């Protein structure tokens, strides 16, 4: 029986294990810059602080740096899309993403 070929997505995500093997649980950690209108800064900061798995690491009058954690990249992208739609937000752009094994991930 011929082994199934890996998909383009599995190749890009570095998941070349065979489907029969257990998938190791991972966490995606990402930093992002949220550009905001200064008049909306306080409201946006409150909304960001209320989001689960989001931490604010730096703030200036027009930019906020956040760090997010999620089970996959799609969740991170969805979160950034939501943030981008808020009143007073000009953009929310991912700057960096790292994938860590949950077995290696500390508290």
N, C-alpha and C. Protein backbone atom coordinates (compact mmCIF):
# COMPACT_ATOMS: atom_id res chain seq x y z
N UNK A 1 0.83 -1.18 0.00
CA UNK A 1 0.00 0.00 0.00
C UNK A 1 0.88 1.24 0.00
N UNK A 2 0.57 2.19 -0.85
CA UNK A 2 1.37 3.41 -0.99
C UNK A 2 1.02 4.39 0.13
N UNK A 3 2.06 5.03 0.70
CA UNK A 3 1.85 6.02 1.75
C UNK A 3 1.21 7.27 1.13
N UNK A 4 0.28 7.89 1.83
CA UNK A 4 -0.31 9.12 1.30
C UNK A 4 0.73 10.23 1.28
N UNK A 5 0.66 11.05 0.25
CA UNK A 5 1.60 12.17 0.13
C UNK A 5 1.18 13.28 1.09
N UNK A 6 2.14 13.95 1.69
CA UNK A 6 1.77 15.04 2.59
C UNK A 6 1.15 16.19 1.79
N UNK A 7 0.23 16.89 2.42
CA UNK A 7 -0.38 18.04 1.76
C UNK A 7 0.59 19.22 1.83
N UNK A 8 0.32 20.21 1.02
CA UNK A 8 1.13 21.43 1.02
C UNK A 8 1.07 22.09 2.39
N UNK A 9 -0.12 22.10 2.98
CA UNK A 9 -0.29 22.71 4.30
C UNK A 9 0.55 22.00 5.36
N UNK A 10 0.53 20.65 5.35
CA UNK A 10 1.31 19.91 6.35
C UNK A 10 2.80 20.15 6.15
N UNK A 11 3.22 20.31 4.90
CA UNK A 11 4.63 20.61 4.63
C UNK A 11 4.99 21.98 5.18
N UNK A 12 4.16 22.99 4.92
CA UNK A 12 4.44 24.34 5.38
C UNK A 12 4.40 24.45 6.91
N UNK A 13 3.55 23.65 7.53
CA UNK A 13 3.45 23.68 8.99
C UNK A 13 4.44 22.75 9.67
N UNK A 14 5.24 22.02 8.88
CA UNK A 14 6.23 21.12 9.45
C UNK A 14 5.63 19.88 10.06
N UNK A 15 4.47 19.48 9.58
CA UNK A 15 3.79 18.29 10.11
C UNK A 15 3.87 17.17 9.08
N UNK A 16 5.00 16.53 9.03
CA UNK A 16 5.20 15.48 8.05
C UNK A 16 5.06 14.08 8.63
N UNK A 17 4.56 13.99 9.86
CA UNK A 17 4.34 12.68 10.48
C UNK A 17 3.23 11.97 9.73
N UNK A 18 3.27 10.66 9.79
CA UNK A 18 2.19 9.90 9.16
C UNK A 18 0.92 10.06 9.98
N UNK A 19 -0.26 9.96 9.36
CA UNK A 19 -1.51 10.14 10.09
C UNK A 19 -1.71 9.13 11.22
N UNK A 20 -1.05 7.99 11.14
CA UNK A 20 -1.22 6.96 12.18
C UNK A 20 -0.54 7.37 13.48
N UNK A 21 0.45 8.26 13.40
CA UNK A 21 1.16 8.68 14.60
C UNK A 21 0.33 9.72 15.35
N UNK A 22 0.47 9.72 16.66
CA UNK A 22 -0.24 10.71 17.46
C UNK A 22 0.34 12.09 17.20
N UNK A 23 -0.53 13.07 17.12
CA UNK A 23 -0.10 14.44 16.91
C UNK A 23 0.24 15.05 18.26
N UNK A 24 1.43 15.60 18.35
CA UNK A 24 1.89 16.21 19.59
C UNK A 24 1.15 17.54 19.80
N UNK A 25 0.58 17.76 20.98
CA UNK A 25 -0.12 19.01 21.22
C UNK A 25 0.86 20.19 21.26
N UNK A 26 0.46 21.28 20.62
CA UNK A 26 1.32 22.46 20.54
C UNK A 26 0.55 23.70 20.94
N UNK A 27 1.29 24.75 21.22
CA UNK A 27 0.72 26.07 21.47
C UNK A 27 1.40 27.05 20.51
N UNK A 28 0.61 27.90 19.90
CA UNK A 28 1.12 28.94 19.01
C UNK A 28 1.19 30.23 19.81
N UNK A 29 2.37 30.83 19.83
CA UNK A 29 2.59 32.08 20.55
C UNK A 29 2.94 33.14 19.52
N UNK A 30 2.24 34.26 19.57
CA UNK A 30 2.43 35.29 18.56
C UNK A 30 2.47 36.66 19.19
N UNK A 31 3.28 37.54 18.60
CA UNK A 31 3.24 38.95 18.99
C UNK A 31 2.61 39.72 17.83
N UNK A 32 1.95 40.80 18.17
CA UNK A 32 1.28 41.61 17.16
C UNK A 32 1.33 43.07 17.58
N UNK A 33 1.26 43.95 16.58
CA UNK A 33 1.19 45.39 16.82
C UNK A 33 -0.20 45.86 16.39
N UNK A 34 -0.87 46.52 17.31
CA UNK A 34 -2.19 47.08 17.03
C UNK A 34 -2.03 48.59 16.93
N UNK A 35 -2.33 49.14 15.75
CA UNK A 35 -2.27 50.59 15.55
C UNK A 35 -3.64 51.17 15.82
N UNK A 36 -3.68 52.21 16.65
CA UNK A 36 -4.96 52.77 17.08
C UNK A 36 -4.97 54.29 16.94
N UNK A 37 -6.18 54.84 16.87
CA UNK A 37 -6.33 56.29 16.95
C UNK A 37 -6.17 56.69 18.41
N UNK A 38 -5.34 57.69 18.69
CA UNK A 38 -5.08 58.06 20.10
C UNK A 38 -6.34 58.34 20.92
N UNK A 39 -7.37 58.88 20.30
CA UNK A 39 -8.61 59.18 21.03
C UNK A 39 -9.33 57.92 21.52
N UNK A 40 -9.03 56.77 20.90
CA UNK A 40 -9.69 55.51 21.25
C UNK A 40 -8.79 54.58 22.08
N UNK A 41 -7.64 55.06 22.46
CA UNK A 41 -6.64 54.24 23.13
C UNK A 41 -7.19 53.52 24.36
N UNK A 42 -7.81 54.25 25.28
CA UNK A 42 -8.28 53.65 26.54
C UNK A 42 -9.34 52.58 26.30
N UNK A 43 -10.26 52.84 25.38
CA UNK A 43 -11.31 51.86 25.09
C UNK A 43 -10.72 50.59 24.48
N UNK A 44 -9.76 50.75 23.56
CA UNK A 44 -9.13 49.59 22.92
C UNK A 44 -8.31 48.80 23.94
N UNK A 45 -7.61 49.49 24.82
CA UNK A 45 -6.84 48.80 25.86
C UNK A 45 -7.75 47.98 26.78
N UNK A 46 -8.92 48.51 27.11
CA UNK A 46 -9.88 47.76 27.94
C UNK A 46 -10.36 46.51 27.21
N UNK A 47 -10.68 46.65 25.92
CA UNK A 47 -11.15 45.50 25.14
C UNK A 47 -10.05 44.44 25.03
N UNK A 48 -8.81 44.87 24.79
CA UNK A 48 -7.70 43.92 24.68
C UNK A 48 -7.49 43.19 26.01
N UNK A 49 -7.58 43.92 27.10
CA UNK A 49 -7.37 43.31 28.42
C UNK A 49 -8.43 42.25 28.72
N UNK A 50 -9.61 42.38 28.12
CA UNK A 50 -10.70 41.43 28.36
C UNK A 50 -10.59 40.16 27.52
N UNK A 51 -9.73 40.16 26.50
CA UNK A 51 -9.60 38.99 25.63
C UNK A 51 -8.82 37.89 26.34
N UNK A 52 -9.33 36.64 26.29
CA UNK A 52 -8.57 35.54 26.89
C UNK A 52 -7.31 35.26 26.07
N UNK A 53 -6.27 34.85 26.73
CA UNK A 53 -5.00 34.47 26.09
C UNK A 53 -4.32 35.63 25.37
N UNK A 54 -4.61 36.87 25.76
CA UNK A 54 -3.96 38.05 25.19
C UNK A 54 -3.35 38.85 26.33
N UNK A 55 -2.09 39.23 26.15
CA UNK A 55 -1.40 40.08 27.14
C UNK A 55 -0.90 41.33 26.45
N UNK A 56 -1.04 42.46 27.12
CA UNK A 56 -0.52 43.73 26.61
C UNK A 56 0.89 43.89 27.15
N UNK A 57 1.86 44.11 26.24
CA UNK A 57 3.26 44.22 26.67
C UNK A 57 3.83 45.62 26.51
N UNK A 58 3.24 46.43 25.66
CA UNK A 58 3.72 47.81 25.49
C UNK A 58 2.56 48.64 24.96
N UNK A 59 2.52 49.87 25.37
CA UNK A 59 1.50 50.78 24.86
C UNK A 59 2.08 52.17 24.67
N UNK A 60 1.69 52.81 23.61
CA UNK A 60 2.02 54.20 23.34
C UNK A 60 0.71 54.86 22.89
N UNK A 61 0.72 56.15 22.63
CA UNK A 61 -0.54 56.78 22.23
C UNK A 61 -1.20 56.16 20.99
N UNK A 62 -0.41 55.60 20.07
CA UNK A 62 -1.01 55.10 18.83
C UNK A 62 -0.68 53.64 18.50
N UNK A 63 0.08 52.96 19.35
CA UNK A 63 0.44 51.56 19.09
C UNK A 63 0.40 50.76 20.38
N UNK A 64 -0.03 49.50 20.25
CA UNK A 64 -0.06 48.58 21.38
C UNK A 64 0.58 47.28 20.91
N UNK A 65 1.50 46.75 21.70
CA UNK A 65 2.12 45.46 21.40
C UNK A 65 1.46 44.42 22.29
N UNK A 66 0.96 43.35 21.66
CA UNK A 66 0.30 42.28 22.41
C UNK A 66 0.99 40.95 22.12
N UNK A 67 0.82 40.01 23.04
CA UNK A 67 1.25 38.63 22.85
C UNK A 67 0.02 37.76 23.03
N UNK A 68 -0.17 36.82 22.10
CA UNK A 68 -1.35 35.95 22.12
C UNK A 68 -0.90 34.50 22.12
N UNK A 69 -1.73 33.64 22.70
CA UNK A 69 -1.51 32.19 22.66
C UNK A 69 -2.77 31.53 22.16
N UNK A 70 -2.60 30.48 21.35
CA UNK A 70 -3.75 29.74 20.83
C UNK A 70 -3.31 28.35 20.42
N UNK A 71 -4.29 27.52 20.12
CA UNK A 71 -4.01 26.14 19.72
C UNK A 71 -3.55 26.03 18.27
N UNK A 72 -3.86 27.03 17.44
CA UNK A 72 -3.39 27.02 16.05
C UNK A 72 -3.36 28.42 15.47
N UNK A 73 -2.75 28.56 14.31
CA UNK A 73 -2.60 29.87 13.67
C UNK A 73 -3.93 30.48 13.29
N UNK A 74 -4.90 29.65 12.93
CA UNK A 74 -6.21 30.16 12.54
C UNK A 74 -6.89 30.94 13.65
N UNK A 75 -6.74 30.46 14.87
CA UNK A 75 -7.33 31.16 16.02
C UNK A 75 -6.66 32.52 16.19
N UNK A 76 -5.34 32.56 16.03
CA UNK A 76 -4.62 33.82 16.15
C UNK A 76 -5.08 34.80 15.07
N UNK A 77 -5.19 34.31 13.84
CA UNK A 77 -5.64 35.16 12.74
C UNK A 77 -7.05 35.68 12.96
N UNK A 78 -7.93 34.83 13.47
CA UNK A 78 -9.30 35.25 13.75
C UNK A 78 -9.34 36.34 14.82
N UNK A 79 -8.51 36.18 15.83
CA UNK A 79 -8.44 37.17 16.90
C UNK A 79 -7.97 38.52 16.34
N UNK A 80 -6.95 38.50 15.49
CA UNK A 80 -6.45 39.74 14.90
C UNK A 80 -7.49 40.37 13.98
N UNK A 81 -8.23 39.55 13.25
CA UNK A 81 -9.29 40.07 12.39
C UNK A 81 -10.37 40.75 13.23
N UNK A 82 -10.71 40.14 14.36
CA UNK A 82 -11.70 40.75 15.25
C UNK A 82 -11.20 42.09 15.78
N UNK A 83 -9.95 42.11 16.25
CA UNK A 83 -9.38 43.34 16.78
C UNK A 83 -9.37 44.43 15.71
N UNK A 84 -9.04 44.07 14.48
CA UNK A 84 -8.99 45.04 13.38
C UNK A 84 -10.33 45.69 13.12
N UNK A 85 -11.42 45.02 13.48
CA UNK A 85 -12.76 45.55 13.20
C UNK A 85 -13.25 46.51 14.29
N UNK A 86 -12.54 46.62 15.38
CA UNK A 86 -12.98 47.48 16.47
C UNK A 86 -12.89 48.95 16.09
N UNK A 87 -13.78 49.75 16.65
CA UNK A 87 -13.75 51.19 16.42
C UNK A 87 -12.46 51.77 16.99
N UNK A 88 -11.80 52.58 16.20
CA UNK A 88 -10.56 53.22 16.62
C UNK A 88 -9.31 52.44 16.29
N UNK A 89 -9.45 51.20 15.81
CA UNK A 89 -8.28 50.39 15.44
C UNK A 89 -8.02 50.57 13.95
N UNK A 90 -6.80 50.94 13.63
CA UNK A 90 -6.41 51.11 12.23
C UNK A 90 -5.92 49.81 11.62
N UNK A 91 -5.18 49.02 12.41
CA UNK A 91 -4.68 47.72 11.94
C UNK A 91 -4.24 46.88 13.12
N UNK A 92 -4.20 45.56 12.89
CA UNK A 92 -3.68 44.61 13.87
C UNK A 92 -2.87 43.59 13.08
N UNK A 93 -1.56 43.67 13.21
CA UNK A 93 -0.67 42.86 12.38
C UNK A 93 0.24 41.96 13.20
N UNK A 94 0.26 40.67 12.82
CA UNK A 94 1.15 39.71 13.46
C UNK A 94 2.59 40.06 13.09
N UNK A 95 3.46 40.03 14.08
CA UNK A 95 4.87 40.34 13.86
C UNK A 95 5.71 39.07 13.91
N UNK A 96 5.34 38.16 14.80
CA UNK A 96 6.14 36.96 15.01
C UNK A 96 5.24 35.85 15.52
N UNK A 97 5.54 34.63 15.11
CA UNK A 97 4.81 33.48 15.63
C UNK A 97 5.80 32.35 15.90
N UNK A 98 5.60 31.69 17.02
CA UNK A 98 6.43 30.55 17.39
C UNK A 98 5.52 29.42 17.82
N UNK A 99 5.88 28.19 17.48
CA UNK A 99 5.10 27.03 17.86
C UNK A 99 5.93 26.22 18.84
N UNK A 100 5.34 25.95 20.00
CA UNK A 100 6.02 25.19 21.04
C UNK A 100 5.22 23.95 21.38
N UNK A 101 5.92 22.89 21.70
CA UNK A 101 5.27 21.67 22.20
C UNK A 101 4.73 21.95 23.59
N UNK A 102 3.52 21.48 23.87
CA UNK A 102 2.97 21.65 25.21
C UNK A 102 3.76 20.85 26.24
N UNK A 103 4.45 19.82 25.79
CA UNK A 103 5.27 19.02 26.70
C UNK A 103 6.49 19.80 27.17
N UNK A 104 6.98 20.72 26.31
CA UNK A 104 8.15 21.52 26.64
C UNK A 104 7.78 22.87 27.24
N UNK A 105 6.51 23.22 27.17
CA UNK A 105 6.04 24.54 27.56
C UNK A 105 5.90 24.60 29.07
N UNK A 106 6.58 25.55 29.69
CA UNK A 106 6.50 25.71 31.15
C UNK A 106 5.32 26.55 31.56
N UNK A 107 5.17 26.73 32.84
CA UNK A 107 4.06 27.55 33.38
C UNK A 107 4.26 29.00 33.10
